[in-house]
C-alpha atoms as a PDB file:
ATOM      1  CA  MET A   1      -4.612  -3.611 -14.635  1.00  0.00           C
ATOM      2  CA  ASP A   2      -2.942  -2.549 -17.859  1.00  0.00           C
ATOM      3  CA  PRO A   3      -1.549   1.048 -17.483  1.00  0.00           C
ATOM      4  CA  THR A   4      -2.174   1.640 -21.197  1.00  0.00           C
ATOM      5  CA  SER A   5      -5.912   1.357 -20.540  1.00  0.00           C
ATOM      6  CA  LEU A   6      -5.949   4.479 -18.372  1.00  0.00           C
ATOM      7  CA  THR A   7      -7.685   7.535 -19.809  1.00  0.00           C
ATOM      8  CA  PRO A   8      -6.857  11.206 -19.112  1.00  0.00           C
ATOM      9  CA  GLN A   9      -9.888  11.262 -16.802  1.00  0.00           C
ATOM     10  CA  THR A  10      -8.515   8.425 -14.666  1.00  0.00           C
ATOM     11  CA  LYS A  11      -7.347   9.535 -11.241  1.00  0.00           C
ATOM     12  CA  THR A  12      -4.379   7.584  -9.867  1.00  0.00           C
ATOM     13  CA  TRP A  13      -3.670   7.311  -6.141  1.00  0.00           C
ATOM     14  CA  ASP A  14      -0.564   6.006  -4.390  1.00  0.00           C
ATOM     15  CA  PRO A  15      -1.411   6.233  -0.683  1.00  0.00           C
ATOM     16  CA  THR A  16       1.456   4.109   0.671  1.00  0.00           C
ATOM     17  CA  GLN A  17       4.222   6.036  -1.103  1.00  0.00           C
ATOM     18  CA  TYR A  18       4.717   8.188   2.004  1.00  0.00           C
ATOM     19  CA  PHE A  19       5.623   5.066   3.981  1.00  0.00           C
ATOM     20  CA  ARG A  20       8.083   3.893   1.322  1.00  0.00           C
ATOM     21  CA  GLN A  21      11.639   5.122   0.979  1.00  0.00           C
ATOM     22  CA  GLU A  22      11.216   5.894  -2.715  1.00  0.00           C
ATOM     23  CA  HIS A  23       8.198   8.202  -2.331  1.00  0.00           C
ATOM     24  CA  THR A  24       8.134  11.140  -4.756  1.00  0.00           C
ATOM     25  CA  SER A  25       5.272  13.546  -3.980  1.00  0.00           C
ATOM     26  CA  PRO A  26       6.016  16.460  -1.627  1.00  0.00           C
ATOM     27  CA  PHE A  27       3.730  16.496   1.387  1.00  0.00           C
ATOM     28  CA  ALA A  28       2.952  18.322   4.606  1.00  0.00           C
ATOM     29  CA  LEU A  29       1.838  16.889   7.940  1.00  0.00           C
ATOM     30  CA  LEU A  30      -1.228  18.448   9.555  1.00  0.00           C
ATOM     31  CA  ILE A  31      -1.688  17.617  13.248  1.00  0.00           C
ATOM     32  CA  LEU A  32      -5.286  17.883  14.446  1.00  0.00           C
ATOM     33  CA  ASN A  33      -6.508  18.209  18.031  1.00  0.00           C
ATOM     34  CA  GLN A  34      -6.699  14.427  18.383  1.00  0.00           C
ATOM     35  CA  PRO A  35      -4.383  11.700  19.700  1.00  0.00           C
ATOM     36  CA  ILE A  36      -1.485  11.183  17.290  1.00  0.00           C
ATOM     37  CA  ASN A  37      -0.666   7.868  15.638  1.00  0.00           C
ATOM     38  CA  GLU A  38       2.967   7.994  16.733  1.00  0.00           C
ATOM     39  CA  ARG A  39       4.089   4.947  14.769  1.00  0.00           C
ATOM     40  CA  ALA A  40       2.867   6.487  11.547  1.00  0.00           C
ATOM     41  CA  TYR A  41       4.319   9.868  12.499  1.00  0.00           C
ATOM     42  CA  ASN A  42       7.760   8.354  13.106  1.00  0.00           C
ATOM     43  CA  VAL A  43       7.900   7.226   9.484  1.00  0.00           C
ATOM     44  CA  LEU A  44       6.165  10.180   7.847  1.00  0.00           C
ATOM     45  CA  LYS A  45       8.233  12.882   9.573  1.00  0.00           C
ATOM     46  CA  GLU A  46      11.358  11.751   7.738  1.00  0.00           C
ATOM     47  CA  HIS A  47      10.224  13.187   4.400  1.00  0.00           C
ATOM     48  CA  ALA A  48       7.572  15.799   5.280  1.00  0.00           C
ATOM     49  CA  LYS A  49       8.173  19.290   3.926  1.00  0.00           C
ATOM     50  CA  LEU A  50       6.766  20.811   7.094  1.00  0.00           C
ATOM     51  CA  THR A  51       4.515  20.135  10.062  1.00  0.00           C
ATOM     52  CA  VAL A  52       1.526  22.330  10.868  1.00  0.00           C
ATOM     53  CA  CYS A  53      -0.511  22.030  14.062  1.00  0.00           C
ATOM     54  CA  ALA A  54      -4.159  23.021  14.105  1.00  0.00           C
ATOM     55  CA  ASP A  55      -4.522  24.918  17.400  1.00  0.00           C
ATOM     56  CA  GLY A  56      -4.913  22.229  20.104  1.00  0.00           C
ATOM     57  CA  GLY A  57      -3.009  19.790  17.928  1.00  0.00           C
ATOM     58  CA  ALA A  58       0.070  21.521  19.342  1.00  0.00           C
ATOM     59  CA  ASN A  59      -0.825  20.158  22.786  1.00  0.00           C
ATOM     60  CA  HIS A  60      -0.759  16.587  21.516  1.00  0.00           C
ATOM     61  CA  PHE A  61       2.449  17.219  19.579  1.00  0.00           C
ATOM     62  CA  TYR A  62       4.149  18.701  22.645  1.00  0.00           C
ATOM     63  CA  GLU A  63       3.102  15.828  24.907  1.00  0.00           C
ATOM     64  CA  MET A  64       4.380  13.313  22.347  1.00  0.00           C
ATOM     65  CA  MET A  65       7.774  15.000  22.252  1.00  0.00           C
ATOM     66  CA  LYS A  66       7.893  15.530  26.014  1.00  0.00           C
ATOM     67  CA  ALA A  67       7.369  11.788  26.579  1.00  0.00           C
ATOM     68  CA  ARG A  68      10.490  11.260  24.469  1.00  0.00           C
ATOM     69  CA  GLY A  69      12.449  13.964  26.295  1.00  0.00           C
ATOM     70  CA  ARG A  70      12.687  15.918  23.051  1.00  0.00           C
ATOM     71  CA  GLU A  71      10.303  18.833  23.528  1.00  0.00           C
ATOM     72  CA  ASN A  72      13.226  21.260  23.253  1.00  0.00           C
ATOM     73  CA  ILE A  73      15.681  19.517  20.941  1.00  0.00           C
ATOM     74  CA  GLY A  74      13.473  17.231  18.871  1.00  0.00           C
ATOM     75  CA  GLN A  75      11.127  17.977  16.021  1.00  0.00           C
ATOM     76  CA  ILE A  76       9.035  21.088  16.476  1.00  0.00           C
ATOM     77  CA  PRO A  77       6.121  22.242  14.339  1.00  0.00           C
ATOM     78  CA  ASN A  78       6.828  24.831  11.682  1.00  0.00           C
ATOM     79  CA  THR A  79       3.551  26.649  12.266  1.00  0.00           C
ATOM     80  CA  ILE A  80       0.601  26.578  14.667  1.00  0.00           C
ATOM     81  CA  ILE A  81      -2.637  27.986  13.242  1.00  0.00           C
ATOM     82  CA  GLY A  82      -6.140  28.514  14.584  1.00  0.00           C
ATOM     83  CA  ASP A  83      -8.245  30.760  16.750  1.00  0.00           C
ATOM     84  CA  LEU A  84      -5.924  29.581  19.571  1.00  0.00           C
ATOM     85  CA  ASP A  85      -8.668  28.813  22.057  1.00  0.00           C
ATOM     86  CA  SER A  86      -7.457  25.236  22.567  1.00  0.00           C
ATOM     87  CA  ILE A  87      -3.663  25.449  22.759  1.00  0.00           C
ATOM     88  CA  HIS A  88      -2.433  25.631  26.363  1.00  0.00           C
ATOM     89  CA  ALA A  89      -0.865  28.970  27.240  1.00  0.00           C
ATOM     90  CA  ASP A  90       2.377  27.406  28.487  1.00  0.00           C
ATOM     91  CA  ILE A  91       2.740  25.292  25.355  1.00  0.00           C
ATOM     92  CA  ARG A  92       2.119  28.306  23.143  1.00  0.00           C
ATOM     93  CA  ALA A  93       4.783  30.242  25.055  1.00  0.00           C
ATOM     94  CA  HIS A  94       7.168  27.294  24.811  1.00  0.00           C
ATOM     95  CA  TYR A  95       6.899  27.068  21.041  1.00  0.00           C
ATOM     96  CA  GLU A  96       7.018  30.824  20.529  1.00  0.00           C
ATOM     97  CA  LYS A  97      10.250  30.866  22.515  1.00  0.00           C
ATOM     98  CA  LEU A  98      11.644  28.246  20.127  1.00  0.00           C
ATOM     99  CA  GLY A  99      10.740  30.418  17.137  1.00  0.00           C
ATOM    100  CA  VAL A 100       7.652  28.563  15.961  1.00  0.00           C
ATOM    101  CA  HIS A 101       5.317  30.765  13.935  1.00  0.00           C
ATOM    102  CA  VAL A 102       2.024  30.951  15.879  1.00  0.00           C
ATOM    103  CA  LEU A 103      -0.671  32.409  13.643  1.00  0.00           C
ATOM    104  CA  GLU A 104      -3.973  33.514  15.167  1.00  0.00           C
ATOM    105  CA  ASP A 105      -6.908  33.407  12.765  1.00  0.00           C
ATOM    106  CA  ALA A 106     -10.055  34.574  14.516  1.00  0.00           C
ATOM    107  CA  ASP A 107     -12.408  33.782  11.624  1.00  0.00           C
ATOM    108  CA  GLN A 108     -15.387  32.105  13.300  1.00  0.00           C
ATOM    109  CA  TYR A 109     -16.818  30.919   9.978  1.00  0.00           C
ATOM    110  CA  SER A 110     -14.018  28.417   9.362  1.00  0.00           C
ATOM    111  CA  THR A 111     -12.571  25.604  11.430  1.00  0.00           C
ATOM    112  CA  ASP A 112      -8.949  25.270  12.473  1.00  0.00           C
ATOM    113  CA  PHE A 113      -8.710  22.431   9.938  1.00  0.00           C
ATOM    114  CA  THR A 114      -9.824  24.789   7.173  1.00  0.00           C
ATOM    115  CA  LYS A 115      -7.488  27.534   8.329  1.00  0.00           C
ATOM    116  CA  CYS A 116      -4.514  25.190   8.121  1.00  0.00           C
ATOM    117  CA  LEU A 117      -5.415  24.030   4.621  1.00  0.00           C
ATOM    118  CA  ARG A 118      -5.918  27.622   3.506  1.00  0.00           C
ATOM    119  CA  TYR A 119      -2.452  28.469   4.828  1.00  0.00           C
ATOM    120  CA  LEU A 120      -0.850  25.495   3.073  1.00  0.00           C
ATOM    121  CA  SER A 121      -2.676  26.356  -0.135  1.00  0.00           C
ATOM    122  CA  SER A 122      -1.432  29.949  -0.042  1.00  0.00           C
ATOM    123  CA  TYR A 123       2.197  28.901   0.388  1.00  0.00           C
ATOM    124  CA  ARG A 124       2.099  25.729  -1.725  1.00  0.00           C
ATOM    125  CA  ALA A 125       4.442  26.974  -4.470  1.00  0.00           C
ATOM    126  CA  GLU A 126       6.933  28.289  -1.915  1.00  0.00           C
ATOM    127  CA  LEU A 127       6.882  25.011   0.008  1.00  0.00           C
ATOM    128  CA  THR A 128       7.306  22.747  -3.025  1.00  0.00           C
ATOM    129  CA  GLY A 129       9.701  25.017  -4.894  1.00  0.00           C
ATOM    130  CA  GLN A 130       7.617  24.616  -8.055  1.00  0.00           C
ATOM    131  CA  PRO A 131       4.735  26.952  -9.004  1.00  0.00           C
ATOM    132  CA  ARG A 132       2.630  24.154 -10.475  1.00  0.00           C
ATOM    133  CA  GLU A 133       3.586  21.258  -8.218  1.00  0.00           C
ATOM    134  CA  ALA A 134       0.917  19.942  -5.876  1.00  0.00           C
ATOM    135  CA  LEU A 135       1.480  19.579  -2.139  1.00  0.00           C
ATOM    136  CA  ASP A 136      -0.213  16.553  -0.637  1.00  0.00           C
ATOM    137  CA  VAL A 137      -1.450  16.835   2.952  1.00  0.00           C
ATOM    138  CA  LEU A 138      -1.373  13.944   5.408  1.00  0.00           C
ATOM    139  CA  ILE A 139      -3.724  14.662   8.275  1.00  0.00           C
ATOM    140  CA  LEU A 140      -2.935  12.984  11.572  1.00  0.00           C
ATOM    141  CA  GLY A 141      -6.151  12.677  13.577  1.00  0.00           C
ATOM    142  CA  GLY A 142      -7.899   9.810  15.283  1.00  0.00           C
ATOM    143  CA  LEU A 143     -11.243   8.325  14.339  1.00  0.00           C
ATOM    144  CA  GLY A 144     -11.481   6.569  17.689  1.00  0.00           C
ATOM    145  CA  GLY A 145     -13.148   7.973  20.772  1.00  0.00           C
ATOM    146  CA  ARG A 146     -16.375   9.953  20.476  1.00  0.00           C
ATOM    147  CA  VAL A 147     -18.534   9.009  17.522  1.00  0.00           C
ATOM    148  CA  ASP A 148     -19.587  12.603  16.781  1.00  0.00           C
ATOM    149  CA  GLN A 149     -15.957  13.694  16.557  1.00  0.00           C
ATOM    150  CA  ALA A 150     -15.177  10.819  14.189  1.00  0.00           C
ATOM    151  CA  PHE A 151     -18.033  11.884  11.920  1.00  0.00           C
ATOM    152  CA  SER A 152     -16.780  15.464  12.100  1.00  0.00           C
ATOM    153  CA  GLN A 153     -13.337  14.361  10.879  1.00  0.00           C
ATOM    154  CA  ILE A 154     -14.846  12.460   7.973  1.00  0.00           C
ATOM    155  CA  SER A 155     -17.145  15.348   7.099  1.00  0.00           C
ATOM    156  CA  HIS A 156     -14.186  17.725   7.033  1.00  0.00           C
ATOM    157  CA  LEU A 157     -12.137  15.347   4.907  1.00  0.00           C
ATOM    158  CA  TYR A 158     -15.022  15.104   2.431  1.00  0.00           C
ATOM    159  CA  SER A 159     -15.673  18.839   2.171  1.00  0.00           C
ATOM    160  CA  MET A 160     -12.010  19.867   2.190  1.00  0.00           C
ATOM    161  CA  SER A 161     -11.136  17.330  -0.521  1.00  0.00           C
ATOM    162  CA  ARG A 162     -13.763  18.931  -2.751  1.00  0.00           C
ATOM    163  CA  THR A 163     -12.594  22.462  -1.921  1.00  0.00           C
ATOM    164  CA  PHE A 164      -8.797  22.281  -1.766  1.00  0.00           C
ATOM    165  CA  SER A 165      -7.697  19.300  -3.835  1.00  0.00           C
ATOM    166  CA  SER A 166      -6.197  20.031  -7.260  1.00  0.00           C
ATOM    167  CA  ASN A 167      -8.084  17.007  -8.538  1.00  0.00           C
ATOM    168  CA  ALA A 168     -11.493  18.013  -7.236  1.00  0.00           C
ATOM    169  CA  GLU A 169     -14.268  18.053  -9.779  1.00  0.00           C
ATOM    170  CA  GLU A 170     -14.823  21.765  -9.185  1.00  0.00           C
ATOM    171  CA  GLY A 171     -11.221  22.700  -9.895  1.00  0.00           C
ATOM    172  CA  GLY A 172      -9.621  23.108  -6.492  1.00  0.00           C
ATOM    173  CA  SER A 173      -9.144  26.137  -4.317  1.00  0.00           C
ATOM    174  CA  GLU A 174      -9.153  29.430  -6.149  1.00  0.00           C
ATOM    175  CA  GLY A 175      -6.003  28.964  -8.205  1.00  0.00           C
ATOM    176  CA  ASN A 176      -3.858  27.625  -5.348  1.00  0.00           C
ATOM    177  CA  PRO A 177      -4.890  23.989  -5.120  1.00  0.00           C
ATOM    178  CA  LEU A 178      -3.257  21.477  -2.867  1.00  0.00           C
ATOM    179  CA  GLY A 179      -2.710  17.888  -3.900  1.00  0.00           C
ATOM    180  CA  ASN A 180      -4.317  14.851  -2.313  1.00  0.00           C
ATOM    181  CA  LEU A 181      -5.665  14.848   1.230  1.00  0.00           C
ATOM    182  CA  TYR A 182      -5.221  11.713   3.329  1.00  0.00           C
ATOM    183  CA  LEU A 183      -6.460  11.107   6.866  1.00  0.00           C
ATOM    184  CA  ILE A 184      -4.057   8.948   8.882  1.00  0.00           C
ATOM    185  CA  SER A 185      -6.001   7.609  11.839  1.00  0.00           C
ATOM    186  CA  GLU A 186      -5.219   4.992  14.461  1.00  0.00           C
ATOM    187  CA  GLU A 187      -5.416   2.034  12.076  1.00  0.00           C
ATOM    188  CA  SER A 188      -6.232   3.325   8.600  1.00  0.00           C
ATOM    189  CA  ILE A 189      -5.440   5.685   5.763  1.00  0.00           C
ATOM    190  CA  THR A 190      -8.611   7.243   4.366  1.00  0.00           C
ATOM    191  CA  PHE A 191      -9.312   9.531   1.411  1.00  0.00           C
ATOM    192  CA  ILE A 192     -12.106  10.662  -0.895  1.00  0.00           C
ATOM    193  CA  LEU A 193     -12.251   9.182  -4.369  1.00  0.00           C
ATOM    194  CA  HIS A 194     -13.372  11.621  -7.046  1.00  0.00           C
ATOM    195  CA  PRO A 195     -16.154  10.981  -9.578  1.00  0.00           C
ATOM    196  CA  GLY A 196     -15.017   8.812 -12.468  1.00  0.00           C
ATOM    197  CA  GLU A 197     -12.428   6.045 -12.473  1.00  0.00           C
ATOM    198  CA  ASN A 198      -9.973   5.878  -9.586  1.00  0.00           C
ATOM    199  CA  VAL A 199      -6.921   3.636  -9.761  1.00  0.00           C
ATOM    200  CA  ILE A 200      -5.285   2.949  -6.385  1.00  0.00           C
ATOM    201  CA  ARG A 201      -1.800   1.483  -6.109  1.00  0.00           C
ATOM    202  CA  THR A 202      -1.620  -1.034  -3.255  1.00  0.00           C
ATOM    203  CA  PRO A 203       1.866  -2.587  -3.322  1.00  0.00           C
ATOM    204  CA  GLY A 204       2.911  -4.392  -0.181  1.00  0.00           C
ATOM    205  CA  ALA A 205      -0.583  -5.431   0.877  1.00  0.00           C
ATOM    206  CA  ASN A 206      -0.616  -8.449   3.171  1.00  0.00           C
ATOM    207  CA  ARG A 207      -2.650 -10.683   0.887  1.00  0.00           C
ATOM    208  CA  PRO A 208      -2.477 -14.411   0.125  1.00  0.00           C
ATOM    209  CA  GLY A 209       0.665 -15.319  -1.771  1.00  0.00           C
ATOM    210  CA  CYS A 210       2.596 -12.249  -0.605  1.00  0.00           C
ATOM    211  CA  GLY A 211       5.145 -12.338   2.182  1.00  0.00           C
ATOM    212  CA  ALA A 212       3.960 -10.650   5.378  1.00  0.00           C
ATOM    213  CA  GLU A 213       7.384  -9.272   6.311  1.00  0.00           C
ATOM    214  CA  GLY A 214       7.711  -5.567   5.648  1.00  0.00           C
ATOM    215  CA  HIS A 215       4.219  -5.148   4.253  1.00  0.00           C
ATOM    216  CA  LEU A 216       2.572  -1.723   4.204  1.00  0.00           C
ATOM    217  CA  LEU A 217      -1.131  -2.594   4.324  1.00  0.00           C
ATOM    218  CA  GLU A 218      -3.391  -5.286   5.660  1.00  0.00           C
ATOM    219  CA  GLU A 219      -5.840  -6.672   3.114  1.00  0.00           C
ATOM    220  CA  ASN A 220      -9.018  -4.972   4.416  1.00  0.00           C
ATOM    221  CA  VAL A 221     -10.657  -2.054   2.590  1.00  0.00           C
ATOM    222  CA  GLY A 222     -13.954  -0.200   2.659  1.00  0.00           C
ATOM    223  CA  ILE A 223     -15.840   1.960   0.143  1.00  0.00           C
ATOM    224  CA  ILE A 224     -18.456   4.185   1.765  1.00  0.00           C
ATOM    225  CA  PRO A 225     -20.902   6.574   0.002  1.00  0.00           C
ATOM    226  CA  LEU A 226     -21.291   9.743   2.063  1.00  0.00           C
ATOM    227  CA  SER A 227     -23.609  12.072   0.165  1.00  0.00           C
ATOM    228  CA  GLY A 228     -26.298   9.620  -0.888  1.00  0.00           C
ATOM    229  CA  PRO A 229     -26.578   6.436  -2.934  1.00  0.00           C
ATOM    230  CA  ALA A 230     -23.755   5.532  -5.316  1.00  0.00           C
ATOM    231  CA  ARG A 231     -23.242   2.900  -7.970  1.00  0.00           C
ATOM    232  CA  ILE A 232     -19.726   1.479  -7.991  1.00  0.00           C
ATOM    233  CA  THR A 233     -17.708  -0.815 -10.246  1.00  0.00           C
ATOM    234  CA  THR A 234     -14.515  -2.321  -8.842  1.00  0.00           C
ATOM    235  CA  SER A 235     -11.592  -4.506  -9.850  1.00  0.00           C
ATOM    236  CA  GLY A 236      -8.682  -6.060  -7.968  1.00  0.00           C
ATOM    237  CA  PHE A 237     -10.653  -7.072  -4.863  1.00  0.00           C
ATOM    238  CA  GLN A 238     -11.764 -10.452  -3.574  1.00  0.00           C
ATOM    239  CA  TRP A 239     -15.381  -9.441  -4.185  1.00  0.00           C
ATOM    240  CA  ASP A 240     -15.619  -7.200  -7.239  1.00  0.00           C
ATOM    241  CA  VAL A 241     -18.896  -5.607  -8.288  1.00  0.00           C
ATOM    242  CA  GLU A 242     -20.276  -3.947 -11.402  1.00  0.00           C
ATOM    243  CA  ASP A 243     -22.706  -1.028 -11.309  1.00  0.00           C
ATOM    244  CA  TRP A 244     -23.544  -2.001  -7.722  1.00  0.00           C
ATOM    245  CA  ARG A 245     -25.823   0.257  -5.681  1.00  0.00           C
ATOM    246  CA  THR A 246     -24.487   1.170  -2.245  1.00  0.00           C
ATOM    247  CA  GLU A 247     -25.842   3.553   0.398  1.00  0.00           C
ATOM    248  CA  ILE A 248     -25.970   4.203   4.123  1.00  0.00           C
ATOM    249  CA  GLY A 249     -28.829   2.069   5.417  1.00  0.00           C
ATOM    250  CA  GLY A 250     -28.471  -0.328   2.490  1.00  0.00           C
ATOM    251  CA  GLN A 251     -25.640  -2.422   1.101  1.00  0.00           C
ATOM    252  CA  LEU A 252     -22.118  -1.267   2.008  1.00  0.00           C
ATOM    253  CA  SER A 253     -18.753  -2.458   0.759  1.00  0.00           C
ATOM    254  CA  THR A 254     -16.897  -3.073   4.024  1.00  0.00           C
ATOM    255  CA  SER A 255     -14.218  -5.656   4.867  1.00  0.00           C
ATOM    256  CA  ASN A 256     -13.461  -6.360   1.232  1.00  0.00           C
ATOM    257  CA  HIS A 257      -9.957  -7.690   0.523  1.00  0.00           C
ATOM    258  CA  ILE A 258      -7.153  -6.464  -1.728  1.00  0.00           C
ATOM    259  CA  ARG A 259      -6.128  -9.052  -4.305  1.00  0.00           C
ATOM    260  CA  ALA A 260      -3.831  -7.064  -6.619  1.00  0.00           C
ATOM    261  CA  ASP A 261      -1.047  -4.479  -6.530  1.00  0.00           C
ATOM    262  CA  VAL A 262      -3.392  -2.085  -8.348  1.00  0.00           C
ATOM    263  CA  VAL A 263      -7.125  -1.871  -7.695  1.00  0.00           C
ATOM    264  CA  SER A 264      -9.794   0.387  -9.178  1.00  0.00           C
ATOM    265  CA  VAL A 265     -13.095   1.953  -8.168  1.00  0.00           C
ATOM    266  CA  LYS A 266     -15.448   3.699 -10.555  1.00  0.00           C
ATOM    267  CA  SER A 267     -18.293   5.890  -9.297  1.00  0.00           C
ATOM    268  CA  ALA A 268     -20.308   8.840 -10.604  1.00  0.00           C
ATOM    269  CA  VAL A 269     -20.142  10.552  -7.193  1.00  0.00           C
ATOM    270  CA  PRO A 270     -17.393  10.974  -4.551  1.00  0.00           C
ATOM    271  CA  VAL A 271     -17.016   8.032  -2.172  1.00  0.00           C
ATOM    272  CA  LEU A 272     -14.826   7.439   0.861  1.00  0.00           C
ATOM    273  CA  PHE A 273     -12.081   4.841   0.460  1.00  0.00           C
ATOM    274  CA  THR A 274     -10.285   3.429   3.485  1.00  0.00           C
ATOM    275  CA  LEU A 275      -7.330   1.029   3.736  1.00  0.00           C
ATOM    276  CA  GLU A 276      -6.104  -0.762   6.848  1.00  0.00           C
ATOM    277  CA  LEU A 277      -2.505   0.088   7.700  1.00  0.00           C
ATOM    278  CA  ALA A 278      -0.016  -2.664   8.470  1.00  0.00           C
ATOM    279  CA  SER A 279       0.193  -3.412  12.196  1.00  0.00           C
ATOM    280  CA  ARG A 280       3.612  -1.739  12.475  1.00  0.00           C
ATOM    281  CA  PHE A 281       2.038   1.599  11.460  1.00  0.00           C
ATOM    282  CA  LYS A 282      -0.955   1.389  13.799  1.00  0.00           C
ATOM    283  CA  ARG A 283      -1.218   3.480  16.945  1.00  0.00           C
ATOM    284  CA  ALA A 284       0.108   1.627  19.965  1.00  0.00           C
ATOM    285  CA  ARG A 285      -2.529   0.910  22.612  1.00  0.00           C
END
């Protein structure tokens, strides 16, 4: 794709930059109350501005560090936020003793996920050091296990991307937008493409003709409409389509293959886009 062909309305994504040494966008890690992809965490923690645990996510974080013998001297979360009905009392006491800010938000009309994003949005400028700089959020939470919980994660990603992202079609979150939201699950990195043209940088994909050593992604991708039928036009994949109707219960673009360092998806409505992480970043079984 020729960069000169991009319009001001084109949204550009670079989802693997956080796994590369030369990444540029500031980001925060958000740990949900789900098993943590430790291999991904080990790479992402090196450049994260801060780590926030959503309530019971602190339990998973503690157990991960305890297994390494580093629950006292290793990485600790900067903040734990939620209604605090899931965090174990001893783990809460442990982190409070270490000086971690534990913030109780009893609002029953918002989830712990939402509370964490609201917190990050409020302190975005302070965290980035620039009043207008976006703060991307990488959300560590599994899509394995119970099906209803997996759908809940995707639903939250969809709604929160439309509410908090600085690139959302409705303008972001009340003057304090975050940047891009990415869900890092056991095997994939998933995000919501906005209406219009989306250009996704995919360097290091393990595709034919590219060396497998040190790659960042496998070749598999999926494009899933969540809110109803969509018509998509794509480029850079093994099977490209033009003005192609896709919907749950109908035709779906799953198991397509990356065939370029830059791919694009055009849609009039938001759609979910998911990339398979390289094996070295997948959660160990």
